Amino acid sequence: MAKIKGGLGAQGLSGLFNDNQMNVAVPTPDDIPTQEIDITLIDRNPSQPRKTFNEDSLREMANSIATYGVLQPLLLVKTEGGRYLIIAGERRFRASLLAGLKKVPAIVRDLSPQQIQEISLIENLHREDLNAIEAAEGMRELMESHGLTQEDVAQRIGKSRPYVTNTLRLLQLPKEVTDLVRTGELSPGHARSLISIDDKAVLIDMAKKAVQRKMSVRELEQEVRLYFTRKSNVGGPRERIQSPEIREMLNDMKRVFATKVKLRGNESKGRITIDYFTADDLNRIYALVQQLKQFKG
């Protein structure tokens, strides 16, 4: 990430990014001036990856702020007309509004549009309470806007490459399912176990069933395996699979490649389609093929 103008060190930046659940003071370097900014001049960042805020948590923070004030400054950038844009600290800003504050402590920095986007995304991705879909959308935006790979994103947010890959895969799911993850009704683990199902209606129905029955991830994985077993025994005109061996092979491929695999044909002739959704997905599939080639050799 490009260096931030104005001398905001790593320690101070880490503190500002720590949009903690409690109203806790976080020390910042002495050379970073804090200003009292009129709260009516502060605007929320429209590119903020986080869209959901727990109302009970905000009220708790508002009560603390009403008693002790804002103990951790916001990070702002000055915009046109003497106004300010939030780069880090939207929870504190929202809670301050609830508490009825007229001014809030803030650190104002001169940042480029790219720096603003990167900092806003990375701040949110660092927070453990950011839901998995918002995290995935933030990662995707960071990659698309700045030409980063999954490996680049993993290094920037301090996560493993598999974590980034598995989180991005959630965006393959239909909106009905991602909404369940967004609201916390369905965990990321539950959602990932459904990705190999290529029938949208079945996928959505199984996700809702998992929520209603309060299934564990393992129980849902067993339900998915049972679905593929039943499907292979029935067959159908859409895939025109003629033998249990081919059906089993298709199910194995879905599990190995961790994506949607379609087969149309029979023992003598047909077509296999393996879906990929990003360049990194394609590289991952290619790496698996290379491993198979080495094994054959």
Protein backbone atom coordinates (compact mmCIF):
# COMPACT_ATOMS: atom_id res chain seq x y z
CA MET A 1 0.00 0.00 0.00
CA ALA A 2 1.24 3.49 -0.75
CA LYS A 3 2.64 5.43 2.17
CA ILE A 4 0.26 7.78 3.88
CA LYS A 5 1.13 11.44 3.77
CA GLY A 6 1.51 13.22 7.06
CA GLY A 7 3.56 10.79 9.13
CA LEU A 8 0.85 8.44 10.40
CA GLY A 9 3.04 5.58 11.64
CA ALA A 10 2.14 1.90 11.62
CA GLN A 11 1.41 1.92 15.35
CA GLY A 12 -0.96 4.88 15.07
CA LEU A 13 -2.62 3.50 11.97
CA SER A 14 -3.20 0.16 13.71
CA GLY A 15 -4.84 1.95 16.58
CA LEU A 16 -7.12 3.96 14.31
CA PHE A 17 -8.10 0.83 12.44
CA ASN A 18 -9.06 -0.90 15.66
CA ASP A 19 -12.75 0.06 15.55
CA ASN A 20 -13.34 -1.92 18.71
CA GLN A 21 -16.69 -2.87 20.20
CA MET A 22 -15.97 -0.92 23.41
CA ASN A 23 -15.20 2.77 23.84
CA VAL A 24 -11.56 2.12 24.74
CA ALA A 25 -8.70 4.59 24.52
CA VAL A 26 -6.00 3.62 22.02
CA PRO A 27 -2.64 5.47 22.30
CA THR A 28 -1.38 7.27 19.20
CA PRO A 29 2.08 8.74 18.54
CA ASP A 30 2.64 12.19 20.04
CA ASP A 31 3.34 13.77 16.64
CA ILE A 32 -0.21 13.09 15.39
CA PRO A 33 -2.44 16.09 16.23
CA THR A 34 -6.04 15.43 17.24
CA GLN A 35 -8.71 17.97 16.33
CA GLU A 36 -12.25 18.50 17.57
CA ILE A 37 -14.46 18.37 14.46
CA ASP A 38 -18.09 19.52 14.22
CA ILE A 39 -20.04 16.27 13.79
CA THR A 40 -22.42 17.90 11.28
CA LEU A 41 -19.47 18.42 8.90
CA ILE A 42 -18.58 14.70 8.79
CA ASP A 43 -19.88 12.41 6.03
CA ARG A 44 -19.96 8.62 5.91
CA ASN A 45 -17.85 6.91 3.28
CA PRO A 46 -20.15 5.61 0.48
CA SER A 47 -17.48 3.01 -0.35
CA GLN A 48 -17.54 1.62 3.19
CA PRO A 49 -17.53 -2.18 2.78
CA ARG A 50 -19.40 -2.71 6.02
CA LYS A 51 -23.14 -2.22 5.50
CA THR A 52 -24.56 -3.70 8.71
CA PHE A 53 -24.08 -2.37 12.23
CA ASN A 54 -25.46 -4.05 15.34
CA GLU A 55 -27.90 -1.62 16.92
CA ASP A 56 -27.51 -3.00 20.46
CA SER A 57 -23.73 -2.69 20.22
CA LEU A 58 -24.04 0.89 18.94
CA ARG A 59 -26.33 1.82 21.84
CA GLU A 60 -23.87 0.34 24.33
CA MET A 61 -21.05 2.36 22.80
CA ALA A 62 -23.26 5.47 22.73
CA ASN A 63 -23.87 5.10 26.48
CA SER A 64 -20.13 4.87 27.09
CA ILE A 65 -19.45 7.88 24.87
CA ALA A 66 -22.14 9.91 26.64
CA THR A 67 -20.33 9.23 29.93
CA TYR A 68 -16.65 9.32 28.97
CA GLY A 69 -16.56 10.94 25.52
CA VAL A 70 -14.91 9.43 22.42
CA LEU A 71 -11.66 7.86 23.66
CA GLN A 72 -10.34 6.89 20.23
CA PRO A 73 -10.18 9.52 17.44
CA LEU A 74 -11.68 9.04 14.01
CA LEU A 75 -9.50 9.14 10.89
CA LEU A 76 -10.85 11.69 8.40
CA VAL A 77 -9.89 13.27 5.10
CA LYS A 78 -10.92 16.80 4.18
CA THR A 79 -13.26 17.16 1.19
CA GLU A 80 -14.81 20.06 -0.70
CA GLY A 81 -16.77 22.75 1.06
CA GLY A 82 -14.95 22.35 4.36
CA ARG A 83 -16.45 18.90 4.99
CA TYR A 84 -14.78 15.64 6.07
CA LEU A 85 -15.04 12.00 4.96
CA ILE A 86 -14.71 9.08 7.40
CA ILE A 87 -11.82 6.75 6.58
CA ALA A 88 -11.79 4.83 9.87
CA GLY A 89 -14.17 4.91 12.81
CA GLU A 90 -17.72 4.84 11.43
CA ARG A 91 -18.98 2.89 14.47
CA ARG A 92 -17.66 5.62 16.77
CA PHE A 93 -19.26 8.24 14.53
CA ARG A 94 -22.66 6.52 14.56
CA ALA A 95 -22.50 6.00 18.32
CA SER A 96 -21.51 9.66 18.81
CA LEU A 97 -24.61 10.73 16.88
CA LEU A 98 -26.76 8.53 19.13
CA ALA A 99 -25.07 10.07 22.19
CA GLY A 100 -25.91 13.57 20.94
CA LEU A 101 -22.32 14.83 20.64
CA LYS A 102 -21.71 18.12 18.83
CA LYS A 103 -18.00 17.50 18.17
CA VAL A 104 -15.76 14.41 17.98
CA PRO A 105 -11.98 14.00 18.20
CA ALA A 106 -10.40 13.18 14.87
CA ILE A 107 -7.11 12.97 13.01
CA VAL A 108 -7.28 14.62 9.59
CA ARG A 109 -4.92 13.43 6.89
CA ASP A 110 -4.25 14.30 3.24
CA LEU A 111 -4.85 11.05 1.32
CA SER A 112 -5.22 10.20 -2.36
CA PRO A 113 -8.45 8.54 -3.61
CA GLN A 114 -6.58 5.23 -3.93
CA GLN A 115 -5.23 5.51 -0.38
CA ILE A 116 -8.72 6.27 0.91
CA GLN A 117 -10.16 3.18 -0.75
CA GLU A 118 -7.34 0.91 0.38
CA ILE A 119 -7.40 2.10 3.98
CA SER A 120 -11.18 1.86 4.22
CA LEU A 121 -11.17 -1.68 2.85
CA ILE A 122 -8.21 -2.91 4.87
CA GLU A 123 -9.59 -1.41 8.07
CA ASN A 124 -12.83 -3.32 7.61
CA LEU A 125 -11.15 -6.55 6.57
CA HIS A 126 -9.07 -6.47 9.73
CA ARG A 127 -12.16 -6.47 11.91
CA GLU A 128 -13.33 -9.90 13.01
CA ASP A 129 -16.96 -8.75 13.30
CA LEU A 130 -17.17 -7.93 9.57
CA ASN A 131 -19.50 -10.54 8.08
CA ALA A 132 -18.02 -12.93 5.53
CA ILE A 133 -19.96 -11.58 2.53
CA GLU A 134 -18.93 -7.99 3.22
CA ALA A 135 -15.36 -9.22 3.66
CA ALA A 136 -15.53 -11.06 0.33
CA GLU A 137 -16.97 -8.00 -1.43
CA GLY A 138 -14.24 -5.85 0.09
CA MET A 139 -11.53 -8.26 -1.09
CA ARG A 140 -13.00 -8.38 -4.59
CA GLU A 141 -13.19 -4.59 -4.79
CA LEU A 142 -9.60 -4.28 -3.59
CA MET A 143 -8.48 -6.75 -6.28
CA GLU A 144 -10.52 -5.21 -9.09
CA SER A 145 -9.73 -1.58 -8.27
CA HIS A 146 -5.99 -1.98 -7.79
CA GLY A 147 -5.11 -5.05 -9.85
CA LEU A 148 -4.19 -7.16 -6.84
CA THR A 149 -4.06 -10.96 -6.78
CA GLN A 150 -5.46 -13.13 -4.01
CA GLU A 151 -1.90 -13.52 -2.73
CA ASP A 152 -1.49 -9.72 -2.61
CA VAL A 153 -4.72 -9.35 -0.65
CA ALA A 154 -3.71 -12.11 1.77
CA GLN A 155 -0.43 -10.34 2.53
CA ARG A 156 -2.10 -6.96 3.01
CA ILE A 157 -4.77 -8.13 5.43
CA GLY A 158 -2.57 -10.59 7.30
CA LYS A 159 -4.57 -13.67 6.32
CA SER A 160 -3.63 -16.90 4.56
CA ARG A 161 -4.16 -17.38 0.83
CA PRO A 162 -6.69 -20.23 1.46
CA TYR A 163 -8.67 -17.89 3.74
CA VAL A 164 -8.93 -15.31 0.95
CA THR A 165 -9.80 -17.96 -1.66
CA ASN A 166 -12.47 -19.57 0.48
CA THR A 167 -13.98 -16.22 1.41
CA LEU A 168 -14.16 -15.06 -2.23
CA ARG A 169 -15.83 -18.34 -3.22
CA LEU A 170 -18.87 -17.31 -1.19
CA LEU A 171 -19.67 -14.74 -3.88
CA GLN A 172 -20.48 -17.63 -6.24
CA LEU A 173 -23.62 -18.33 -4.21
CA PRO A 174 -27.04 -16.89 -5.11
CA LYS A 175 -28.23 -13.75 -3.34
CA GLU A 176 -30.80 -15.66 -1.32
CA VAL A 177 -27.95 -17.59 0.33
CA THR A 178 -25.46 -14.72 0.68
CA ASP A 179 -28.19 -12.72 2.43
CA LEU A 180 -28.44 -15.49 5.05
CA VAL A 181 -24.67 -15.27 5.59
CA ARG A 182 -24.82 -11.47 5.67
CA THR A 183 -27.39 -11.54 8.48
CA GLY A 184 -25.56 -14.26 10.40
CA GLU A 185 -28.31 -16.86 9.99
CA LEU A 186 -25.93 -19.06 8.02
CA SER A 187 -22.22 -19.39 8.80
CA PRO A 188 -19.50 -19.17 6.11
CA GLY A 189 -18.74 -22.85 6.73
CA HIS A 190 -22.33 -23.80 6.00
CA ALA A 191 -22.32 -21.65 2.86
CA ARG A 192 -19.05 -23.12 1.52
CA SER A 193 -20.43 -26.65 1.81
CA LEU A 194 -23.21 -25.69 -0.64
CA ILE A 195 -21.02 -24.22 -3.42
CA SER A 196 -20.66 -27.51 -5.36
CA ILE A 197 -24.44 -27.74 -5.89
CA ASP A 198 -25.19 -26.49 -9.41
CA ASP A 199 -28.99 -26.50 -9.09
CA LYS A 200 -29.87 -23.04 -7.76
CA ALA A 201 -33.31 -24.02 -6.45
CA VAL A 202 -31.91 -27.03 -4.57
CA LEU A 203 -29.04 -24.92 -3.18
CA ILE A 204 -31.37 -22.23 -1.83
CA ASP A 205 -33.79 -24.79 -0.40
CA MET A 206 -30.97 -26.63 1.38
CA ALA A 207 -29.61 -23.37 2.82
CA LYS A 208 -33.02 -22.46 4.23
CA LYS A 209 -33.43 -25.97 5.60
CA ALA A 210 -30.06 -25.69 7.36
CA VAL A 211 -31.21 -22.46 9.04
CA GLN A 212 -34.62 -23.82 10.03
CA ARG A 213 -33.23 -27.07 11.43
CA LYS A 214 -30.18 -25.37 12.98
CA MET A 215 -27.87 -27.89 11.29
CA SER A 216 -24.18 -28.04 12.12
CA VAL A 217 -21.70 -27.68 9.27
CA ARG A 218 -21.02 -31.43 9.40
CA GLU A 219 -24.73 -32.23 9.22
CA LEU A 220 -25.14 -29.99 6.20
CA GLU A 221 -22.11 -31.56 4.50
CA GLN A 222 -23.72 -34.97 5.00
CA GLU A 223 -26.95 -33.60 3.50
CA VAL A 224 -25.00 -32.39 0.45
CA ARG A 225 -23.32 -35.79 0.01
CA LEU A 226 -26.73 -37.46 0.29
CA TYR A 227 -28.07 -35.10 -2.39
CA PHE A 228 -25.32 -36.08 -4.84
CA THR A 229 -25.83 -39.76 -4.06
CA ARG A 230 -29.55 -39.54 -4.76
CA LYS A 231 -28.93 -37.48 -7.88
CA SER A 232 -26.47 -40.01 -9.26
CA ASN A 233 -29.00 -42.80 -8.76
CA VAL A 234 -31.75 -40.95 -10.57
CA GLY A 235 -29.97 -39.47 -13.57
CA GLY A 236 -31.80 -37.10 -15.89
CA PRO A 237 -32.07 -35.79 -19.45
CA ARG A 238 -30.16 -32.63 -18.59
CA GLU A 239 -26.87 -34.41 -17.94
CA ARG A 240 -27.65 -37.67 -19.78
CA ILE A 241 -25.37 -39.69 -17.50
CA GLN A 242 -25.75 -43.39 -18.21
CA SER A 243 -23.65 -45.14 -15.58
CA PRO A 244 -23.11 -44.91 -11.81
CA GLU A 245 -19.36 -44.83 -12.46
CA ILE A 246 -19.60 -41.61 -14.46
CA ARG A 247 -21.89 -40.05 -11.85
CA GLU A 248 -19.45 -40.91 -9.10
CA MET A 249 -16.59 -39.48 -11.15
CA LEU A 250 -18.49 -36.21 -11.60
CA ASN A 251 -19.15 -35.89 -7.88
CA ASP A 252 -15.48 -36.59 -7.14
CA MET A 253 -14.43 -33.85 -9.57
CA LYS A 254 -16.71 -31.34 -7.87
CA ARG A 255 -15.14 -32.10 -4.52
CA VAL A 256 -11.55 -32.07 -5.82
CA PHE A 257 -11.83 -28.85 -7.87
CA ALA A 258 -14.09 -27.20 -5.25
CA THR A 259 -16.28 -25.64 -7.89
CA LYS A 260 -19.17 -26.45 -10.19
CA VAL A 261 -18.53 -29.24 -12.71
CA LYS A 262 -21.04 -30.19 -15.41
CA LEU A 263 -21.03 -33.33 -17.51
CA ARG A 264 -23.24 -33.93 -20.53
CA GLY A 265 -22.96 -37.20 -22.36
CA ASN A 266 -22.40 -40.89 -21.68
CA GLU A 267 -19.62 -43.49 -21.58
CA SER A 268 -18.79 -43.00 -25.26
CA LYS A 269 -19.12 -39.28 -25.88
CA GLY A 270 -19.80 -36.03 -24.04
CA ARG A 271 -18.51 -32.81 -22.60
CA ILE A 272 -17.15 -31.82 -19.16
CA THR A 273 -17.34 -28.18 -18.07
CA ILE A 274 -15.40 -26.89 -15.04
CA ASP A 275 -16.46 -23.43 -13.87
CA TYR A 276 -14.03 -20.81 -12.58
CA PHE A 277 -14.88 -17.31 -11.40
CA THR A 278 -11.53 -15.53 -11.12
CA ALA A 279 -8.05 -15.81 -12.61
CA ASP A 280 -6.90 -17.24 -9.29
CA ASP A 281 -9.58 -19.93 -9.52
CA LEU A 282 -8.22 -20.88 -12.93
CA ASN A 283 -4.65 -20.98 -11.62
CA ARG A 284 -5.75 -23.18 -8.71
CA ILE A 285 -7.44 -25.65 -11.08
CA TYR A 286 -4.40 -25.63 -13.36
CA ALA A 287 -2.14 -26.35 -10.37
CA LEU A 288 -4.27 -29.40 -9.56
CA VAL A 289 -3.93 -30.60 -13.15
CA GLN A 290 -0.16 -30.14 -12.95
CA GLN A 291 -0.08 -32.25 -9.79
CA LEU A 292 -1.99 -34.98 -11.59
CA LYS A 293 0.50 -34.85 -14.47
CA GLN A 294 3.40 -35.27 -12.07
CA PHE A 295 1.66 -38.18 -10.38
CA LYS A 296 1.14 -39.85 -13.75
CA GLY A 297 4.79 -39.34 -14.63
